[in-house]
Amino acid sequence: MATEVEGQIPMEEGEGEELDMIEKLQTVGIGMSDITKLKNAGFFTVKSVILIHPKKLKELKGFSEAKVEKVLDAAKKLAVGDSPFVTAANFLEARQQVFFISTGAKELDAILGGGIESQQITEIHGEYRTGKSQICMTLCISAQVPTDETNYSGGKVIYIDTEGAFRPERLEGICDRFNVDYQAALNNVYFCRAYNSEQLATLMADVGAILAQEAGIVRLLIIDSIMATFRTDYCGRGELAERQQMLNQVLAAIKRLAEEWNLAVVLTNQMCSDPGATMSFVSDPKKPVGGHILAHAVQTRLSLRKGSGEQRFAKLVCSSRFSEKDASFNLTEGGVANSE
């Protein structure tokens, strides 16, 4: 009998309580109309206002330089006494709230240190049919399942699809494998199809709204894939600088969401051929799209390649915690699974 995942996954005690929601600015003289404008722009906590560059606030309609200064002063009043510096010991203690979401394959989880880690961005790149979207759809269900091993209580998922690869029907077989009620699981996945890079950028404010509404309940953000719309909207080397600048802004917004809301983030990425690789005798002329901007923004990078049949291989090519490692996994009706 399938285990039902409730439509409202309960928040664990203490989760989300440490954040001052932006409505608290009313107590230090900021009007509700200005607070509404901030929320419409994607600012839902006092901390998010303090962390953003002032020029971003000046771009909001009706926000003069004087008003921006007033809002920032009010936000800092609420944070008075909070030093920007902590000891490494205190930082380690704060990281105890970090959780890991299983990919569905033990070997893959092992090289990641337990699975997809919260408060950071994990990028998965590879050629077509290497299993990127299959990992994402498996995570849609595994993210909802509590685990005793990592003390993870389960949560909801936000899935942004830029390639049209998401199929909710695919989740049924994965639900059967994880012993989860299919209909209940579908209700715990927020889905959106993004058709261009501008829409993708504005969606970050909508993601923030969901996270604010369901603080501690939404645990995973998936964007499959991060570069698809950018490659379509910006063509040629003449638009490369503009593309990278826009990409950098989107990645910065994603990173703030991950850290502020203790959110796990997975970005899939496409590959391209490097025309200069043959000149430098590089064995593999293919490389992930996005350049240094994307490479510096993510904390963990997984490279996938095909094996025989449904077997796939993953290589941890970048991590702030681990050295390069390899793992294998299989693609099955029940999603990503252990390699036989």
Protein backbone atom coordinates (compact mmCIF):
# COMPACT_ATOMS: atom_id res chain seq x y z
CA MET A 1 0.00 0.00 0.00
CA ALA A 2 1.42 3.39 -1.00
CA THR A 3 2.42 5.85 1.67
CA GLU A 4 0.39 9.02 1.21
CA VAL A 5 2.35 12.26 1.04
CA GLU A 6 0.00 14.91 2.36
CA GLY A 7 -0.89 17.92 0.22
CA GLN A 8 0.56 20.12 2.96
CA ILE A 9 3.84 18.70 4.19
CA PRO A 10 4.24 19.89 7.80
CA MET A 11 7.07 22.23 8.68
CA GLU A 12 9.55 20.93 11.19
CA GLU A 13 9.63 22.71 14.53
CA GLY A 14 11.89 25.77 14.43
CA GLU A 15 12.25 25.89 10.64
CA GLY A 16 11.80 29.37 9.16
CA GLU A 17 11.32 31.01 12.54
CA GLU A 18 14.66 32.84 12.50
CA LEU A 19 13.68 34.95 9.45
CA ASP A 20 12.11 38.37 9.92
CA MET A 21 9.43 38.70 7.25
CA ILE A 22 9.39 41.97 5.35
CA GLU A 23 6.07 43.09 6.90
CA LYS A 24 8.08 43.78 10.05
CA LEU A 25 9.39 46.95 8.35
CA GLN A 26 6.05 48.52 9.28
CA THR A 27 7.20 48.62 12.90
CA VAL A 28 10.07 50.96 11.97
CA GLY A 29 8.16 53.43 9.78
CA ILE A 30 7.91 51.86 6.31
CA GLY A 31 4.46 52.08 4.72
CA MET A 32 2.55 49.05 3.51
CA SER A 33 2.47 50.37 -0.09
CA ASP A 34 6.28 50.37 -0.22
CA ILE A 35 6.40 46.94 1.40
CA THR A 36 4.01 45.65 -1.28
CA LYS A 37 6.32 47.01 -4.00
CA LEU A 38 9.25 45.24 -2.37
CA LYS A 39 7.31 41.97 -2.24
CA ASN A 40 6.32 42.31 -5.90
CA ALA A 41 10.01 42.67 -6.71
CA GLY A 42 10.86 39.47 -4.87
CA PHE A 43 11.89 40.74 -1.43
CA PHE A 44 10.07 38.82 1.31
CA THR A 45 12.39 39.10 4.31
CA VAL A 46 14.28 41.92 6.01
CA LYS A 47 17.52 40.07 5.31
CA SER A 48 16.85 40.05 1.55
CA VAL A 49 16.59 43.86 1.58
CA ILE A 50 19.85 44.25 3.49
CA LEU A 51 21.77 41.90 1.19
CA ILE A 52 20.70 43.43 -2.14
CA HIS A 53 22.71 46.21 -3.77
CA PRO A 54 21.00 49.64 -3.29
CA LYS A 55 20.94 50.26 -7.06
CA LYS A 56 18.52 47.35 -7.43
CA LEU A 57 16.12 49.04 -5.02
CA LYS A 58 16.42 52.31 -6.94
CA GLU A 59 15.11 50.51 -10.02
CA LEU A 60 11.74 49.97 -8.30
CA LYS A 61 8.96 52.35 -9.31
CA GLY A 62 8.61 55.20 -6.81
CA PHE A 63 11.83 54.38 -4.98
CA SER A 64 13.95 57.52 -4.96
CA GLU A 65 17.44 57.63 -3.51
CA ALA A 66 16.01 59.09 -0.29
CA LYS A 67 13.39 56.33 -0.01
CA VAL A 68 15.96 53.60 -0.65
CA GLU A 69 18.12 55.05 2.13
CA LYS A 70 15.11 55.14 4.46
CA VAL A 71 14.21 51.50 3.72
CA LEU A 72 17.79 50.32 4.22
CA ASP A 73 18.12 52.25 7.49
CA ALA A 74 14.86 50.70 8.72
CA ALA A 75 16.01 47.20 7.77
CA LYS A 76 19.33 47.69 9.54
CA LYS A 77 17.52 48.88 12.67
CA LEU A 78 15.75 45.55 12.87
CA ALA A 79 19.08 43.78 12.47
CA VAL A 80 20.89 45.99 15.00
CA GLY A 81 23.34 44.05 17.16
CA ASP A 82 23.80 41.39 14.49
CA SER A 83 27.49 41.34 13.62
CA PRO A 84 28.34 40.32 10.06
CA PHE A 85 31.14 38.18 11.50
CA VAL A 86 30.83 34.86 13.34
CA THR A 87 33.42 32.31 14.38
CA ALA A 88 33.96 29.24 12.24
CA ALA A 89 32.61 27.20 15.16
CA ASN A 90 29.35 29.18 15.14
CA PHE A 91 29.12 28.87 11.37
CA LEU A 92 29.57 25.10 11.63
CA GLU A 93 26.79 24.97 14.22
CA ALA A 94 24.50 26.97 11.93
CA ARG A 95 25.18 24.48 9.14
CA GLN A 96 23.53 21.74 11.16
CA GLN A 97 20.26 22.74 9.46
CA VAL A 98 21.72 21.71 6.07
CA PHE A 99 20.00 18.62 4.67
CA PHE A 100 20.59 16.18 1.79
CA ILE A 101 18.09 14.85 -0.75
CA SER A 102 18.74 11.41 -2.22
CA THR A 103 19.17 11.10 -5.98
CA GLY A 104 17.85 7.53 -5.80
CA ALA A 105 21.26 5.89 -6.42
CA LYS A 106 23.56 5.07 -3.50
CA GLU A 107 26.80 5.50 -5.45
CA LEU A 108 25.70 8.88 -6.73
CA ASP A 109 24.64 9.99 -3.24
CA ALA A 110 28.00 8.83 -1.87
CA ILE A 111 30.15 11.01 -4.14
CA LEU A 112 27.89 13.97 -3.26
CA GLY A 113 28.35 13.41 0.47
CA GLY A 114 24.80 12.17 1.01
CA GLY A 115 22.82 13.58 -1.89
CA ILE A 116 21.81 17.03 -3.15
CA GLU A 117 22.88 19.51 -0.47
CA SER A 118 20.76 22.47 0.66
CA GLN A 119 21.98 26.08 0.72
CA GLN A 120 23.97 25.57 -2.45
CA ILE A 121 23.63 25.11 -6.21
CA THR A 122 24.33 21.73 -7.79
CA GLU A 123 24.83 21.70 -11.56
CA ILE A 124 24.38 18.53 -13.62
CA HIS A 125 25.68 18.66 -17.19
CA GLY A 126 25.99 16.13 -19.98
CA GLU A 127 24.99 15.33 -23.55
CA TYR A 128 21.42 14.45 -24.47
CA ARG A 129 20.09 11.17 -23.03
CA THR A 130 22.66 11.02 -20.24
CA GLY A 131 19.95 11.15 -17.57
CA LYS A 132 19.83 14.81 -16.48
CA SER A 133 16.04 15.15 -16.60
CA GLN A 134 15.61 11.64 -15.20
CA ILE A 135 17.60 12.63 -12.12
CA CYS A 136 15.43 15.74 -11.77
CA MET A 137 12.17 13.78 -11.97
CA THR A 138 13.47 11.22 -9.47
CA LEU A 139 14.34 14.09 -7.12
CA CYS A 140 10.74 15.36 -7.42
CA ILE A 141 9.64 12.26 -5.50
CA SER A 142 12.67 11.47 -3.33
CA ALA A 143 12.53 15.05 -2.00
CA GLN A 144 9.09 14.30 -0.55
CA VAL A 145 10.21 11.19 1.32
CA PRO A 146 11.52 11.53 4.91
CA THR A 147 14.79 9.71 5.61
CA ASP A 148 16.06 8.53 8.98
CA GLU A 149 19.67 8.31 7.75
CA THR A 150 20.06 12.04 7.15
CA ASN A 151 17.26 13.21 9.47
CA TYR A 152 15.44 14.74 6.48
CA SER A 153 11.72 15.34 6.97
CA GLY A 154 10.63 15.67 3.33
CA GLY A 155 9.22 18.65 1.47
CA LYS A 156 7.76 20.15 -1.69
CA VAL A 157 9.48 20.88 -5.01
CA ILE A 158 9.51 23.77 -7.49
CA TYR A 159 10.26 22.59 -11.05
CA ILE A 160 11.01 25.13 -13.82
CA ASP A 161 11.23 23.51 -17.26
CA THR A 162 12.89 25.43 -20.11
CA GLU A 163 13.18 22.54 -22.57
CA GLY A 164 9.75 20.91 -22.42
CA ALA A 165 11.17 17.68 -21.02
CA PHE A 166 9.02 17.40 -17.86
CA ARG A 167 6.36 14.68 -17.93
CA PRO A 168 4.17 14.28 -14.82
CA GLU A 169 3.17 10.81 -16.04
CA ARG A 170 6.80 9.77 -15.60
CA LEU A 171 6.47 10.36 -11.86
CA GLU A 172 3.95 7.53 -11.43
CA GLY A 173 6.55 4.77 -11.79
CA ILE A 174 8.91 6.65 -9.49
CA CYS A 175 6.12 6.98 -6.90
CA ASP A 176 5.53 3.22 -7.07
CA ARG A 177 9.19 2.58 -6.36
CA PHE A 178 9.30 4.98 -3.39
CA ASN A 179 5.91 3.75 -2.10
CA VAL A 180 4.37 7.22 -2.38
CA ASP A 181 0.80 8.12 -3.35
CA TYR A 182 0.93 9.41 -6.94
CA GLN A 183 -1.84 12.03 -6.78
CA ALA A 184 -0.62 13.44 -3.47
CA ALA A 185 2.94 13.64 -4.83
CA LEU A 186 1.78 15.60 -7.91
CA ASN A 187 0.18 18.18 -5.62
CA ASN A 188 3.55 18.72 -3.92
CA VAL A 189 5.33 19.73 -7.15
CA TYR A 190 4.96 23.35 -8.34
CA PHE A 191 5.61 23.36 -12.10
CA CYS A 192 6.26 26.21 -14.55
CA ARG A 193 7.33 26.24 -18.20
CA ALA A 194 9.75 29.10 -18.98
CA TYR A 195 10.05 30.13 -22.62
CA ASN A 196 12.68 32.89 -22.50
CA SER A 197 15.45 34.21 -20.28
CA GLU A 198 13.51 37.32 -19.25
CA GLN A 199 10.64 35.15 -17.99
CA LEU A 200 13.12 32.92 -16.17
CA ALA A 201 14.60 35.97 -14.43
CA THR A 202 11.21 37.29 -13.30
CA LEU A 203 10.21 33.84 -12.06
CA MET A 204 12.75 34.17 -9.24
CA ALA A 205 10.41 36.65 -7.55
CA ASP A 206 7.56 34.12 -7.86
CA VAL A 207 9.80 31.41 -6.39
CA GLY A 208 10.53 33.74 -3.47
CA ALA A 209 6.79 34.27 -2.96
CA ILE A 210 6.17 30.52 -2.73
CA LEU A 211 9.08 30.09 -0.33
CA ALA A 212 7.76 32.91 1.88
CA GLN A 213 4.25 31.44 1.86
CA GLU A 214 5.45 27.92 2.64
CA ALA A 215 8.62 28.58 4.65
CA GLY A 216 10.33 25.34 5.59
CA ILE A 217 7.99 23.26 3.42
CA VAL A 218 9.45 23.78 -0.06
CA ARG A 219 12.87 22.08 -0.02
CA LEU A 220 14.04 21.82 -3.64
CA LEU A 221 14.23 24.09 -6.70
CA ILE A 222 14.96 22.46 -10.09
CA ILE A 223 15.68 24.37 -13.31
CA ASP A 224 15.94 22.04 -16.31
CA SER A 225 17.93 23.53 -17.99
CA ILE A 226 19.51 26.80 -16.92
CA MET A 227 21.10 27.72 -20.28
CA ALA A 228 18.45 26.68 -22.83
CA THR A 229 16.65 30.04 -22.98
CA PHE A 230 19.89 32.05 -22.85
CA ARG A 231 21.27 30.18 -25.88
CA THR A 232 18.09 30.98 -27.80
CA ASP A 233 17.73 34.64 -26.79
CA TYR A 234 21.39 35.67 -27.19
CA CYS A 235 23.08 34.67 -30.45
CA GLY A 236 26.69 35.12 -31.50
CA ARG A 237 29.74 36.55 -29.79
CA GLY A 238 28.35 40.08 -30.14
CA GLU A 239 25.68 39.32 -27.52
CA LEU A 240 27.83 37.12 -25.30
CA ALA A 241 28.68 39.84 -22.76
CA GLU A 242 25.01 40.81 -22.41
CA ARG A 243 24.01 37.16 -22.04
CA GLN A 244 26.59 36.51 -19.33
CA GLN A 245 25.58 39.62 -17.41
CA MET A 246 21.92 38.53 -17.45
CA LEU A 247 22.90 34.99 -16.46
CA ASN A 248 24.98 36.31 -13.57
CA GLN A 249 21.98 38.23 -12.20
CA VAL A 250 19.73 35.16 -12.38
CA LEU A 251 22.34 32.97 -10.68
CA ALA A 252 22.86 35.57 -7.93
CA ALA A 253 19.11 35.59 -7.25
CA ILE A 254 19.05 31.77 -7.13
CA LYS A 255 22.01 31.69 -4.74
CA ARG A 256 20.32 34.19 -2.39
CA LEU A 257 17.17 32.05 -2.33
CA ALA A 258 19.19 28.91 -1.57
CA GLU A 259 21.01 30.48 1.36
CA GLU A 260 18.13 32.50 2.77
CA TRP A 261 15.53 29.73 2.74
CA ASN A 262 17.80 26.69 3.27
CA LEU A 263 16.84 25.48 -0.20
CA ALA A 264 18.48 22.77 -2.30
CA VAL A 265 18.94 23.86 -5.93
CA VAL A 266 19.60 21.66 -8.98
CA LEU A 267 20.41 23.16 -12.38
CA THR A 268 20.84 20.97 -15.43
CA ASN A 269 23.06 22.27 -18.21
CA GLN A 270 23.66 21.59 -21.88
CA MET A 271 26.94 20.89 -23.65
CA CYS A 272 28.65 22.55 -26.57
CA SER A 273 31.65 21.77 -28.75
CA ASP A 274 34.80 23.79 -28.13
CA PRO A 275 36.21 24.76 -31.56
CA GLY A 276 39.61 25.46 -30.04
CA ALA A 277 39.94 22.09 -28.30
CA THR A 278 41.63 20.38 -31.24
CA MET A 279 44.33 23.04 -31.27
CA SER A 280 45.20 22.35 -27.63
CA PHE A 281 45.00 18.54 -27.99
CA VAL A 282 42.08 18.24 -25.52
CA SER A 283 40.76 14.67 -25.57
CA ASP A 284 37.11 15.69 -25.14
CA PRO A 285 36.12 18.77 -27.19
CA LYS A 286 32.75 19.11 -25.42
CA LYS A 287 32.22 21.43 -22.46
CA PRO A 288 29.25 22.72 -20.45
CA VAL A 289 27.63 25.97 -21.61
CA GLY A 290 27.71 29.09 -19.45
CA GLY A 291 31.43 29.70 -19.18
CA HIS A 292 33.14 30.99 -16.06
CA ILE A 293 30.01 32.81 -14.83
CA LEU A 294 28.15 29.57 -14.29
CA ALA A 295 31.23 27.65 -13.15
CA HIS A 296 31.92 30.14 -10.34
CA ALA A 297 28.26 30.35 -9.26
CA VAL A 298 27.76 26.64 -8.53
CA GLN A 299 29.30 24.81 -5.60
CA THR A 300 28.97 21.28 -7.00
CA ARG A 301 29.24 20.10 -10.62
CA LEU A 302 28.35 16.65 -11.90
CA SER A 303 29.29 15.50 -15.39
CA LEU A 304 27.22 12.65 -16.89
CA ARG A 305 28.01 10.29 -19.75
CA LYS A 306 26.34 7.27 -21.32
CA GLY A 307 27.23 3.66 -20.63
CA SER A 308 25.88 0.49 -22.19
CA GLY A 309 22.10 0.15 -22.25
CA GLU A 310 20.53 2.14 -19.45
CA GLN A 311 23.73 2.48 -17.43
CA ARG A 312 25.09 5.98 -16.89
CA PHE A 313 28.28 7.32 -15.34
CA ALA A 314 28.68 10.45 -13.21
CA LYS A 315 31.86 12.31 -12.34
CA LEU A 316 32.09 14.85 -9.54
CA VAL A 317 34.22 17.45 -11.34
CA CYS A 318 33.89 20.30 -8.84
CA SER A 319 33.04 20.43 -5.14
CA SER A 320 33.89 22.69 -2.22
CA ARG A 321 34.10 19.59 0.00
CA PHE A 322 35.30 16.60 -2.02
CA SER A 323 37.89 15.64 -4.60
CA GLU A 324 36.95 14.29 -8.04
CA LYS A 325 35.06 11.00 -7.80
CA ASP A 326 33.14 8.67 -10.11
CA ALA A 327 29.87 6.77 -9.73
CA SER A 328 27.55 4.71 -11.89
CA PHE A 329 23.76 4.42 -11.88
CA ASN A 330 20.94 2.98 -13.97
CA LEU A 331 17.86 4.57 -15.50
CA THR A 332 14.80 2.45 -14.67
CA GLU A 333 11.00 2.69 -14.69
CA GLY A 334 11.34 3.73 -11.06
CA GLY A 335 13.76 6.55 -11.89
CA VAL A 336 17.46 6.76 -11.09
CA ALA A 337 18.58 3.59 -9.28
CA ASN A 338 21.67 1.70 -8.19
CA SER A 339 23.84 0.27 -10.94
CA GLU A 340 23.46 -3.50 -11.14
